PDB file of N, CA and C in Angstrom:
ATOM      1  N   MET A   1     -53.350 -47.834  86.842  1.00  0.00           N
ATOM      2  CA  MET A   1     -52.711 -49.321  87.586  1.00  0.00           C
ATOM      3  C   MET A   1     -51.435 -49.852  86.946  1.00  0.00           C
ATOM      4  N   ALA A   2     -50.520 -49.442  87.407  1.00  0.00           N
ATOM      5  CA  ALA A   2     -49.426 -50.363  86.992  1.00  0.00           C
ATOM      6  C   ALA A   2     -49.404 -51.973  86.664  1.00  0.00           C
ATOM      7  N   SER A   3     -48.888 -52.301  85.683  1.00  0.00           N
ATOM      8  CA  SER A   3     -48.938 -53.858  85.589  1.00  0.00           C
ATOM      9  C   SER A   3     -47.423 -54.400  85.791  1.00  0.00           C
ATOM     10  N   LEU A   4     -47.026 -55.681  85.833  1.00  0.00           N
ATOM     11  CA  LEU A   4     -45.946 -56.459  85.997  1.00  0.00           C
ATOM     12  C   LEU A   4     -45.081 -55.835  84.727  1.00  0.00           C
ATOM     13  N   GLY A   5     -45.803 -55.777  83.566  1.00  0.00           N
ATOM     14  CA  GLY A   5     -45.528 -55.313  82.339  1.00  0.00           C
ATOM     15  C   GLY A   5     -44.785 -53.968  82.200  1.00  0.00           C
ATOM     16  N   SER A   6     -44.942 -52.642  82.732  1.00  0.00           N
ATOM     17  CA  SER A   6     -44.899 -51.658  82.741  1.00  0.00           C
ATOM     18  C   SER A   6     -43.387 -51.297  83.022  1.00  0.00           C
ATOM     19  N   GLN A   7     -42.853 -50.285  82.481  1.00  0.00           N
ATOM     20  CA  GLN A   7     -41.496 -49.720  82.903  1.00  0.00           C
ATOM     21  C   GLN A   7     -41.541 -48.809  83.946  1.00  0.00           C
ATOM     22  N   SER A   8     -40.517 -49.074  85.110  1.00  0.00           N
ATOM     23  CA  SER A   8     -40.141 -48.618  86.400  1.00  0.00           C
ATOM     24  C   SER A   8     -40.231 -47.102  85.976  1.00  0.00           C
ATOM     25  N   THR A   9     -40.277 -46.269  87.211  1.00  0.00           N
ATOM     26  CA  THR A   9     -39.946 -44.670  86.953  1.00  0.00           C
ATOM     27  C   THR A   9     -38.544 -44.484  87.687  1.00  0.00           C
ATOM     28  N   ALA A  10     -38.311 -43.027  87.303  1.00  0.00           N
ATOM     29  CA  ALA A  10     -37.096 -42.648  87.941  1.00  0.00           C
ATOM     30  C   ALA A  10     -37.423 -42.971  89.516  1.00  0.00           C
ATOM     31  N   SER A  11     -38.692 -42.402  90.069  1.00  0.00           N
ATOM     32  CA  SER A  11     -38.416 -42.711  91.554  1.00  0.00           C
ATOM     33  C   SER A  11     -38.657 -44.178  92.167  1.00  0.00           C
ATOM     34  N   ASP A  12     -39.092 -44.955  90.962  1.00  0.00           N
ATOM     35  CA  ASP A  12     -39.198 -46.520  91.698  1.00  0.00           C
ATOM     36  C   ASP A  12     -37.855 -46.774  91.501  1.00  0.00           C
ATOM     37  N   ALA A  13     -36.658 -46.741  90.732  1.00  0.00           N
ATOM     38  CA  ALA A  13     -35.211 -47.151  91.181  1.00  0.00           C
ATOM     39  C   ALA A  13     -34.620 -46.162  91.970  1.00  0.00           C
ATOM     40  N   LYS A  14     -35.123 -45.011  92.168  1.00  0.00           N
ATOM     41  CA  LYS A  14     -34.645 -44.459  93.612  1.00  0.00           C
ATOM     42  C   LYS A  14     -34.701 -45.288  94.611  1.00  0.00           C
ATOM     43  N   PHE A  15     -36.195 -45.471  94.993  1.00  0.00           N
ATOM     44  CA  PHE A  15     -36.599 -46.186  95.960  1.00  0.00           C
ATOM     45  C   PHE A  15     -36.111 -47.554  96.112  1.00  0.00           C
ATOM     46  N   THR A  16     -35.706 -48.471  95.210  1.00  0.00           N
ATOM     47  CA  THR A  16     -35.119 -49.532  94.992  1.00  0.00           C
ATOM     48  C   THR A  16     -33.789 -49.551  95.717  1.00  0.00           C
ATOM     49  N   LYS A  17     -33.026 -48.591  95.052  1.00  0.00           N
ATOM     50  CA  LYS A  17     -31.728 -48.194  95.587  1.00  0.00           C
ATOM     51  C   LYS A  17     -31.356 -47.984  97.026  1.00  0.00           C
ATOM     52  N   LYS A  18     -32.547 -47.003  97.781  1.00  0.00           N
ATOM     53  CA  LYS A  18     -32.387 -46.983  98.884  1.00  0.00           C
ATOM     54  C   LYS A  18     -32.594 -48.101  99.842  1.00  0.00           C
ATOM     55  N   MET A  19     -34.020 -48.876  99.428  1.00  0.00           N
ATOM     56  CA  MET A  19     -34.218 -50.108 100.395  1.00  0.00           C
ATOM     57  C   MET A  19     -32.990 -50.940 100.421  1.00  0.00           C
ATOM     58  N   ARG A  20     -32.356 -51.149  99.159  1.00  0.00           N
ATOM     59  CA  ARG A  20     -31.241 -52.097  98.992  1.00  0.00           C
ATOM     60  C   ARG A  20     -29.781 -51.800  99.984  1.00  0.00           C
ATOM     61  N   SER A  21     -29.995 -50.325 100.248  1.00  0.00           N
ATOM     62  CA  SER A  21     -28.780 -49.794 100.930  1.00  0.00           C
ATOM     63  C   SER A  21     -29.083 -49.943 102.319  1.00  0.00           C
ATOM     64  N   LYS A  22     -30.806 -49.967 102.864  1.00  0.00           N
ATOM     65  CA  LYS A  22     -31.150 -49.948 104.128  1.00  0.00           C
ATOM     66  C   LYS A  22     -30.831 -51.348 104.683  1.00  0.00           C
ATOM     67  N   PHE A  23     -30.961 -52.348 103.675  1.00  0.00           N
ATOM     68  CA  PHE A  23     -31.087 -53.606 104.263  1.00  0.00           C
ATOM     69  C   PHE A  23     -29.824 -54.663 103.630  1.00  0.00           C
ATOM     70  N   MET A  24     -29.585 -55.824 104.477  1.00  0.00           N
ATOM     71  CA  MET A  24     -28.313 -56.462 103.934  1.00  0.00           C
ATOM     72  C   MET A  24     -28.823 -57.227 102.384  1.00  0.00           C
ATOM     73  N   ASN A  25     -27.942 -57.892 102.307  1.00  0.00           N
ATOM     74  CA  ASN A  25     -28.437 -58.305 100.458  1.00  0.00           C
ATOM     75  C   ASN A  25     -28.839 -59.836 100.835  1.00  0.00           C
ATOM     76  N   SER A  26     -29.058 -60.297  99.772  1.00  0.00           N
ATOM     77  CA  SER A  26     -29.888 -61.627  99.867  1.00  0.00           C
ATOM     78  C   SER A  26     -28.827 -62.656  98.971  1.00  0.00           C
ATOM     79  N   TYR A  27     -28.273 -63.929  99.503  1.00  0.00           N
ATOM     80  CA  TYR A  27     -27.687 -64.658  98.795  1.00  0.00           C
ATOM     81  C   TYR A  27     -28.350 -65.974  98.443  1.00  0.00           C
ATOM     82  N   LEU A  28     -28.251 -66.529  97.587  1.00  0.00           N
ATOM     83  CA  LEU A  28     -28.577 -67.874  97.208  1.00  0.00           C
ATOM     84  C   LEU A  28     -27.649 -68.782  97.224  1.00  0.00           C
ATOM     85  N   VAL A  29     -27.295 -69.823  97.970  1.00  0.00           N
ATOM     86  CA  VAL A  29     -26.432 -70.629  98.302  1.00  0.00           C
ATOM     87  C   VAL A  29     -26.745 -72.352  97.475  1.00  0.00           C
ATOM     88  N   HIS A  30     -26.446 -72.358  96.500  1.00  0.00           N
ATOM     89  CA  HIS A  30     -26.553 -73.899  95.874  1.00  0.00           C
ATOM     90  C   HIS A  30     -25.479 -74.542  96.220  1.00  0.00           C
ATOM     91  N   MET A  31     -25.914 -75.980  96.744  1.00  0.00           N
ATOM     92  CA  MET A  31     -24.755 -76.849  97.147  1.00  0.00           C
ATOM     93  C   MET A  31     -25.089 -78.274  96.519  1.00  0.00           C
ATOM     94  N   ILE A  32     -24.037 -78.801  95.901  1.00  0.00           N
ATOM     95  CA  ILE A  32     -24.340 -80.376  95.300  1.00  0.00           C
ATOM     96  C   ILE A  32     -23.674 -81.252  96.348  1.00  0.00           C
ATOM     97  N   ARG A  33     -24.219 -82.194  96.756  1.00  0.00           N
ATOM     98  CA  ARG A  33     -23.329 -83.192  97.392  1.00  0.00           C
ATOM     99  C   ARG A  33     -22.714 -84.218  96.816  1.00  0.00           C
ATOM    100  N   GLU A  34     -21.229 -84.314  97.470  1.00  0.00           N
ATOM    101  CA  GLU A  34     -20.695 -85.274  96.729  1.00  0.00           C
ATOM    102  C   GLU A  34     -20.916 -86.825  97.200  1.00  0.00           C
ATOM    103  N   PHE A  35     -21.030 -86.794  98.307  1.00  0.00           N
ATOM    104  CA  PHE A  35     -21.183 -88.211  98.945  1.00  0.00           C
ATOM    105  C   PHE A  35     -22.615 -87.931 100.197  1.00  0.00           C
ATOM    106  N   ASP A  36     -23.060 -89.291 100.031  1.00  0.00           N
ATOM    107  CA  ASP A  36     -24.447 -89.309 101.306  1.00  0.00           C
ATOM    108  C   ASP A  36     -23.500 -88.747 102.826  1.00  0.00           C
ATOM    109  N   ALA A  37     -24.202 -88.502 103.378  1.00  0.00           N
ATOM    110  CA  ALA A  37     -23.627 -88.001 104.693  1.00  0.00           C
ATOM    111  C   ALA A  37     -24.383 -88.800 105.809  1.00  0.00           C
ATOM    112  N   SER A  38     -23.872 -88.944 107.115  1.00  0.00           N
ATOM    113  CA  SER A  38     -24.444 -89.507 108.157  1.00  0.00           C
ATOM    114  C   SER A  38     -25.558 -88.726 109.160  1.00  0.00           C
ATOM    115  N   GLU A  39     -26.553 -89.467 109.740  1.00  0.00           N
ATOM    116  CA  GLU A  39     -27.617 -88.537 110.240  1.00  0.00           C
ATOM    117  C   GLU A  39     -27.460 -87.694 110.966  1.00  0.00           C
ATOM    118  N   GLU A  40     -26.107 -88.036 111.609  1.00  0.00           N
ATOM    119  CA  GLU A  40     -25.560 -86.821 112.739  1.00  0.00           C
ATOM    120  C   GLU A  40     -24.994 -85.622 111.828  1.00  0.00           C
ATOM    121  N   LEU A  41     -24.192 -85.707 110.671  1.00  0.00           N
ATOM    122  CA  LEU A  41     -23.861 -84.627 110.272  1.00  0.00           C
ATOM    123  C   LEU A  41     -24.966 -83.765 109.592  1.00  0.00           C
ATOM    124  N   TYR A  42     -25.912 -84.705 108.950  1.00  0.00           N
ATOM    125  CA  TYR A  42     -26.961 -84.078 108.427  1.00  0.00           C
ATOM    126  C   TYR A  42     -28.130 -83.030 109.623  1.00  0.00           C
ATOM    127  N   GLN A  43     -28.140 -83.529 110.644  1.00  0.00           N
ATOM    128  CA  GLN A  43     -28.691 -82.822 111.982  1.00  0.00           C
ATOM    129  C   GLN A  43     -27.753 -81.897 111.958  1.00  0.00           C
ATOM    130  N   GLU A  44     -26.115 -81.739 112.046  1.00  0.00           N
ATOM    131  CA  GLU A  44     -25.545 -80.610 112.256  1.00  0.00           C
ATOM    132  C   GLU A  44     -25.925 -79.586 111.134  1.00  0.00           C
ATOM    133  N   HIS A  45     -26.152 -79.833 110.163  1.00  0.00           N
ATOM    134  CA  HIS A  45     -26.555 -78.973 108.991  1.00  0.00           C
ATOM    135  C   HIS A  45     -27.685 -78.203 109.485  1.00  0.00           C
ATOM    136  N   TYR A  46     -28.619 -79.253 109.658  1.00  0.00           N
ATOM    137  CA  TYR A  46     -29.972 -78.165 109.852  1.00  0.00           C
ATOM    138  C   TYR A  46     -29.831 -77.572 110.920  1.00  0.00           C
ATOM    139  N   ASN A  47     -29.234 -77.901 112.158  1.00  0.00           N
ATOM    140  CA  ASN A  47     -28.564 -76.791 113.076  1.00  0.00           C
ATOM    141  C   ASN A  47     -27.846 -75.485 112.820  1.00  0.00           C
ATOM    142  N   TYR A  48     -27.116 -75.627 111.631  1.00  0.00           N
ATOM    143  CA  TYR A  48     -26.674 -74.271 111.165  1.00  0.00           C
ATOM    144  C   TYR A  48     -27.411 -73.885 110.639  1.00  0.00           C
ATOM    145  N   LEU A  49     -28.781 -74.266 109.889  1.00  0.00           N
ATOM    146  CA  LEU A  49     -29.469 -73.658 109.159  1.00  0.00           C
ATOM    147  C   LEU A  49     -30.683 -73.078 110.219  1.00  0.00           C
ATOM    148  N   TYR A  50     -30.701 -73.764 110.957  1.00  0.00           N
ATOM    149  CA  TYR A  50     -31.440 -73.265 112.211  1.00  0.00           C
ATOM    150  C   TYR A  50     -30.882 -72.076 112.891  1.00  0.00           C
ATOM    151  N   ALA A  51     -29.627 -71.944 113.207  1.00  0.00           N
ATOM    152  CA  ALA A  51     -29.240 -71.167 113.820  1.00  0.00           C
ATOM    153  C   ALA A  51     -29.211 -69.600 112.757  1.00  0.00           C
ATOM    154  N   LEU A  52     -29.209 -69.681 111.395  1.00  0.00           N
ATOM    155  CA  LEU A  52     -29.252 -68.760 110.426  1.00  0.00           C
ATOM    156  C   LEU A  52     -30.870 -68.278 110.649  1.00  0.00           C
ATOM    157  N   ARG A  53     -31.494 -69.393 110.787  1.00  0.00           N
ATOM    158  CA  ARG A  53     -33.173 -68.723 110.963  1.00  0.00           C
ATOM    159  C   ARG A  53     -33.318 -67.787 112.178  1.00  0.00           C
ATOM    160  N   ASP A  54     -32.968 -68.449 113.248  1.00  0.00           N
ATOM    161  CA  ASP A  54     -33.063 -67.788 114.533  1.00  0.00           C
ATOM    162  C   ASP A  54     -32.541 -66.136 114.527  1.00  0.00           C
ATOM    163  N   GLU A  55     -31.218 -66.378 113.858  1.00  0.00           N
ATOM    164  CA  GLU A  55     -31.078 -64.581 113.564  1.00  0.00           C
ATOM    165  C   GLU A  55     -31.558 -63.965 112.844  1.00  0.00           C
ATOM    166  N   GLY A  56     -32.662 -64.244 112.134  1.00  0.00           N
ATOM    167  CA  GLY A  56     -33.493 -63.707 111.162  1.00  0.00           C
ATOM    168  C   GLY A  56     -32.791 -63.704 110.017  1.00  0.00           C
ATOM    169  N   ARG A  57     -31.915 -64.307 109.464  1.00  0.00           N
ATOM    170  CA  ARG A  57     -31.056 -64.295 108.206  1.00  0.00           C
ATOM    171  C   ARG A  57     -31.566 -65.073 107.249  1.00  0.00           C
ATOM    172  N   LEU A  58     -32.155 -66.345 107.659  1.00  0.00           N
ATOM    173  CA  LEU A  58     -32.364 -67.307 106.877  1.00  0.00           C
ATOM    174  C   LEU A  58     -33.867 -67.286 105.962  1.00  0.00           C
ATOM    175  N   GLY A  59     -33.849 -67.249 104.702  1.00  0.00           N
ATOM    176  CA  GLY A  59     -35.162 -66.863 104.035  1.00  0.00           C
ATOM    177  C   GLY A  59     -35.924 -68.343 103.672  1.00  0.00           C
ATOM    178  N   LEU A  60     -35.291 -68.794 102.888  1.00  0.00           N
ATOM    179  CA  LEU A  60     -35.836 -70.306 102.235  1.00  0.00           C
ATOM    180  C   LEU A  60     -34.613 -71.187 102.377  1.00  0.00           C
ATOM    181  N   ALA A  61     -35.403 -72.611 102.578  1.00  0.00           N
ATOM    182  CA  ALA A  61     -34.270 -73.641 102.391  1.00  0.00           C
ATOM    183  C   ALA A  61     -34.707 -75.071 101.907  1.00  0.00           C
ATOM    184  N   GLY A  62     -34.063 -75.867 101.283  1.00  0.00           N
ATOM    185  CA  GLY A  62     -34.508 -77.078 101.089  1.00  0.00           C
ATOM    186  C   GLY A  62     -33.864 -77.571 100.142  1.00  0.00           C
ATOM    187  N   PRO A  63     -33.907 -79.415 100.159  1.00  0.00           N
ATOM    188  CA  PRO A  63     -33.370 -79.983  99.475  1.00  0.00           C
ATOM    189  C   PRO A  63     -33.688 -80.105  97.880  1.00  0.00           C
ATOM    190  N   TYR A  64     -33.151 -80.800  96.724  1.00  0.00           N
ATOM    191  CA  TYR A  64     -33.356 -80.768  95.613  1.00  0.00           C
ATOM    192  C   TYR A  64     -33.973 -82.353  95.384  1.00  0.00           C
ATOM    193  N   ASN A  65     -35.139 -82.123  94.389  1.00  0.00           N
ATOM    194  CA  ASN A  65     -35.726 -83.565  94.421  1.00  0.00           C
ATOM    195  C   ASN A  65     -34.854 -84.399  93.393  1.00  0.00           C
ATOM    196  N   ASN A  66     -34.278 -83.732  92.374  1.00  0.00           N
ATOM    197  CA  ASN A  66     -33.914 -84.656  90.957  1.00  0.00           C
ATOM    198  C   ASN A  66     -31.835 -84.822  90.987  1.00  0.00           C
ATOM    199  N   VAL A  67     -31.474 -83.902  92.107  1.00  0.00           N
ATOM    200  CA  VAL A  67     -30.309 -84.313  92.146  1.00  0.00           C
ATOM    201  C   VAL A  67     -29.612 -84.228  93.930  1.00  0.00           C
ATOM    202  N   GLN A  68     -28.598 -84.815  94.184  1.00  0.00           N
ATOM    203  CA  GLN A  68     -27.898 -84.784  95.354  1.00  0.00           C
ATOM    204  C   GLN A  68     -27.731 -83.310  96.062  1.00  0.00           C
ATOM    205  N   GLY A  69     -28.335 -82.751  96.769  1.00  0.00           N
ATOM    206  CA  GLY A  69     -27.822 -81.290  97.085  1.00  0.00           C
ATOM    207  C   GLY A  69     -29.306 -80.604  97.474  1.00  0.00           C
ATOM    208  N   GLY A  70     -29.015 -79.130  97.591  1.00  0.00           N
ATOM    209  CA  GLY A  70     -30.028 -78.252  98.194  1.00  0.00           C
ATOM    210  C   GLY A  70     -29.642 -76.816  97.992  1.00  0.00           C
ATOM    211  N   ALA A  71     -30.733 -76.075  98.464  1.00  0.00           N
ATOM    212  CA  ALA A  71     -30.467 -74.274  98.235  1.00  0.00           C
ATOM    213  C   ALA A  71     -30.800 -73.897  99.307  1.00  0.00           C
ATOM    214  N   TYR A  72     -30.114 -72.693  99.662  1.00  0.00           N
ATOM    215  CA  TYR A  72     -30.781 -71.795 101.071  1.00  0.00           C
ATOM    216  C   TYR A  72     -30.298 -70.341 100.222  1.00  0.00           C
ATOM    217  N   VAL A  73     -31.406 -69.495 101.121  1.00  0.00           N
ATOM    218  CA  VAL A  73     -31.404 -68.270 100.380  1.00  0.00           C
ATOM    219  C   VAL A  73     -31.252 -67.575 102.061  1.00  0.00           C
ATOM    220  N   PHE A  74     -30.152 -66.612 102.517  1.00  0.00           N
ATOM    221  CA  PHE A  74     -30.052 -66.066 103.501  1.00  0.00           C
ATOM    222  C   PHE A  74     -29.572 -64.474 103.593  1.00  0.00           C
ATOM    223  N   GLN A  75     -29.387 -63.799 104.367  1.00  0.00           N
ATOM    224  CA  GLN A  75     -28.836 -62.519 104.287  1.00  0.00           C
ATOM    225  C   GLN A  75     -27.494 -62.412 104.659  1.00  0.00           C
ATOM    226  N   ALA A  76     -26.693 -61.367 104.341  1.00  0.00           N
ATOM    227  CA  ALA A  76     -25.383 -61.103 104.633  1.00  0.00           C
ATOM    228  C   ALA A  76     -25.082 -59.836 104.200  1.00  0.00           C
ATOM    229  N   ASN A  77     -24.354 -58.932 104.642  1.00  0.00           N
ATOM    230  CA  ASN A  77     -23.822 -57.778 104.453  1.00  0.00           C
ATOM    231  C   ASN A  77     -22.994 -57.584 103.456  1.00  0.00           C
ATOM    232  N   SER A  78     -22.353 -58.640 102.898  1.00  0.00           N
ATOM    233  CA  SER A  78     -21.640 -58.439 101.670  1.00  0.00           C
ATOM    234  C   SER A  78     -20.931 -60.297 101.086  1.00  0.00           C
ATOM    235  N   LEU A  79     -20.610 -60.353 100.205  1.00  0.00           N
ATOM    236  CA  LEU A  79     -20.297 -61.403  99.162  1.00  0.00           C
ATOM    237  C   LEU A  79     -19.188 -62.250 100.212  1.00  0.00           C
ATOM    238  N   GLU A  80     -18.339 -61.505 100.620  1.00  0.00           N
ATOM    239  CA  GLU A  80     -17.419 -62.359 101.372  1.00  0.00           C
ATOM    240  C   GLU A  80     -17.893 -62.627 102.444  1.00  0.00           C
ATOM    241  N   GLU A  81     -18.847 -61.960 103.491  1.00  0.00           N
ATOM    242  CA  GLU A  81     -19.537 -62.555 104.842  1.00  0.00           C
ATOM    243  C   GLU A  81     -20.423 -63.514 104.255  1.00  0.00           C
ATOM    244  N   ALA A  82     -21.328 -63.590 103.285  1.00  0.00           N
ATOM    245  CA  ALA A  82     -21.807 -64.978 102.381  1.00  0.00           C
ATOM    246  C   ALA A  82     -21.040 -66.027 102.449  1.00  0.00           C
ATOM    247  N   GLU A  83     -19.831 -65.696 101.698  1.00  0.00           N
ATOM    248  CA  GLU A  83     -19.121 -66.989 101.669  1.00  0.00           C
ATOM    249  C   GLU A  83     -18.367 -67.593 102.900  1.00  0.00           C
ATOM    250  N   ALA A  84     -17.904 -66.754 103.677  1.00  0.00           N
ATOM    251  CA  ALA A  84     -17.276 -67.242 104.848  1.00  0.00           C
ATOM    252  C   ALA A  84     -18.423 -67.862 105.769  1.00  0.00           C
ATOM    253  N   THR A  85     -19.582 -67.340 105.790  1.00  0.00           N
ATOM    254  CA  THR A  85     -20.788 -68.150 106.525  1.00  0.00           C
ATOM    255  C   THR A  85     -20.938 -69.474 106.030  1.00  0.00           C
ATOM    256  N   ALA A  86     -21.030 -69.448 104.188  1.00  0.00           N
ATOM    257  CA  ALA A  86     -21.350 -70.689 103.899  1.00  0.00           C
ATOM    258  C   ALA A  86     -20.114 -71.885 104.156  1.00  0.00           C
ATOM    259  N   LYS A  87     -19.059 -71.595 104.057  1.00  0.00           N
ATOM    260  CA  LYS A  87     -17.819 -72.386 104.476  1.00  0.00           C
ATOM    261  C   LYS A  87     -18.062 -73.176 105.869  1.00  0.00           C
ATOM    262  N   THR A  88     -19.042 -72.638 106.552  1.00  0.00           N
ATOM    263  CA  THR A  88     -18.780 -73.298 107.766  1.00  0.00           C
ATOM    264  C   THR A  88     -20.074 -74.155 108.059  1.00  0.00           C
ATOM    265  N   ASP A  89     -20.769 -74.525 106.930  1.00  0.00           N
ATOM    266  CA  ASP A  89     -21.913 -75.188 106.901  1.00  0.00           C
ATOM    267  C   ASP A  89     -21.170 -76.644 107.359  1.00  0.00           C
ATOM    268  N   PRO A  90     -21.564 -77.512 108.322  1.00  0.00           N
ATOM    269  CA  PRO A  90     -21.245 -78.763 108.397  1.00  0.00           C
ATOM    270  C   PRO A  90     -20.964 -79.631 107.104  1.00  0.00           C
ATOM    271  N   LEU A  91     -21.683 -79.452 106.286  1.00  0.00           N
ATOM    272  CA  LEU A  91     -21.854 -80.630 105.243  1.00  0.00           C
ATOM    273  C   LEU A  91     -20.340 -79.991 104.562  1.00  0.00           C
ATOM    274  N   VAL A  92     -20.108 -78.723 104.149  1.00  0.00           N
ATOM    275  CA  VAL A  92     -18.855 -78.169 103.573  1.00  0.00           C
ATOM    276  C   VAL A  92     -17.502 -78.717 104.351  1.00  0.00           C
ATOM    277  N   VAL A  93     -17.695 -78.234 105.680  1.00  0.00           N
ATOM    278  CA  VAL A  93     -16.826 -78.414 106.614  1.00  0.00           C
ATOM    279  C   VAL A  93     -16.160 -79.894 106.503  1.00  0.00           C
ATOM    280  N   ALA A  94     -16.923 -81.103 105.959  1.00  0.00           N
ATOM    281  CA  ALA A  94     -16.664 -82.281 106.141  1.00  0.00           C
ATOM    282  C   ALA A  94     -16.340 -82.835 104.735  1.00  0.00           C
ATOM    283  N   GLY A  95     -16.735 -81.898 103.709  1.00  0.00           N
ATOM    284  CA  GLY A  95     -15.863 -81.733 102.274  1.00  0.00           C
ATOM    285  C   GLY A  95     -17.177 -83.250 101.820  1.00  0.00           C
ATOM    286  N   ILE A  96     -18.434 -82.958 102.288  1.00  0.00           N
ATOM    287  CA  ILE A  96     -19.649 -83.729 101.351  1.00  0.00           C
ATOM    288  C   ILE A  96     -20.165 -82.918 100.314  1.00  0.00           C
ATOM    289  N   ALA A  97     -19.969 -81.532 100.629  1.00  0.00           N
ATOM    290  CA  ALA A  97     -20.601 -80.782  99.432  1.00  0.00           C
ATOM    291  C   ALA A  97     -19.848 -79.867  99.248  1.00  0.00           C
ATOM    292  N   GLN A  98     -20.277 -79.123  98.195  1.00  0.00           N
ATOM    293  CA  GLN A  98     -19.649 -77.989  97.537  1.00  0.00           C
ATOM    294  C   GLN A  98     -20.704 -76.693  97.183  1.00  0.00           C
ATOM    295  N   PHE A  99     -20.143 -75.595  97.421  1.00  0.00           N
ATOM    296  CA  PHE A  99     -21.374 -74.674  97.188  1.00  0.00           C
ATOM    297  C   PHE A  99     -20.669 -73.802  95.787  1.00  0.00           C
ATOM    298  N   VAL A 100     -21.768 -72.805  95.577  1.00  0.00           N
ATOM    299  CA  VAL A 100     -21.403 -71.589  94.579  1.00  0.00           C
ATOM    300  C   VAL A 100     -23.087 -70.700  95.128  1.00  0.00           C
ATOM    301  N   ILE A 101     -22.031 -69.303  95.496  1.00  0.00           N
ATOM    302  CA  ILE A 101     -23.218 -68.243  95.796  1.00  0.00           C
ATOM    303  C   ILE A 101     -23.410 -67.403  94.831  1.00  0.00           C
ATOM    304  N   PHE A 102     -24.482 -66.886  94.745  1.00  0.00           N
ATOM    305  CA  PHE A 102     -24.896 -65.778  93.824  1.00  0.00           C
ATOM    306  C   PHE A 102     -25.596 -64.628  94.810  1.00  0.00           C
ATOM    307  N   GLU A 103     -25.438 -63.380  94.257  1.00  0.00           N
ATOM    308  CA  GLU A 103     -26.078 -62.585  94.773  1.00  0.00           C
ATOM    309  C   GLU A 103     -27.288 -62.284  94.300  1.00  0.00           C
ATOM    310  N   TRP A 104     -28.453 -62.467  95.085  1.00  0.00           N
ATOM    311  CA  TRP A 104     -29.664 -62.449  94.587  1.00  0.00           C
ATOM    312  C   TRP A 104     -30.630 -61.286  94.768  1.00  0.00           C
ATOM    313  N   GLN A 105     -31.288 -60.363  93.788  1.00  0.00           N
ATOM    314  CA  GLN A 105     -32.241 -59.710  94.260  1.00  0.00           C
ATOM    315  C   GLN A 105     -33.533 -60.079  93.347  1.00  0.00           C
ATOM    316  N   ALA A 106     -33.922 -61.126  94.409  1.00  0.00           N
ATOM    317  CA  ALA A 106     -35.368 -61.470  94.038  1.00  0.00           C
ATOM    318  C   ALA A 106     -36.321 -60.701  94.855  1.00  0.00           C
ATOM    319  N   GLN A 107     -37.520 -60.463  94.233  1.00  0.00           N
ATOM    320  CA  GLN A 107     -38.679 -59.644  94.679  1.00  0.00           C
ATOM    321  C   GLN A 107     -39.894 -60.627  94.773  1.00  0.00           C
ATOM    322  N   GLN A 108     -40.618 -60.185  95.601  1.00  0.00           N
ATOM    323  CA  GLN A 108     -41.907 -60.971  95.439  1.00  0.00           C
ATOM    324  C   GLN A 108     -42.504 -60.164  94.682  1.00  0.00           C
ATOM    325  N   LEU A 109     -43.300 -60.760  93.212  1.00  0.00           N
ATOM    326  CA  LEU A 109     -44.098 -59.966  92.360  1.00  0.00           C
ATOM    327  C   LEU A 109     -45.784 -60.331  92.742  1.00  0.00           C
TER     328      LEU A 109
END
């Protein structure tokens, strides 16, 4: 039986590469708010996230407890598409938040 510490085989790597090419990439969007926002703007932000969810592209989302900001994980076809999508977040458009995107190869272990 394989354990988390065992080395992957060539067939495992081939399978992983095949699966990555079959599905969109995952992106982690790290957002830091510079200023507080109105309830209306937060609702627009939530609606943006709900739209990603309804498209089947949003994985996880939530605020940080120790700093102003939060993160979400969503799927896109490329880094360029992910950046273009994140730029449409109402908090970013309003100049309230800045973001950094990481292409994330997260796996459930």
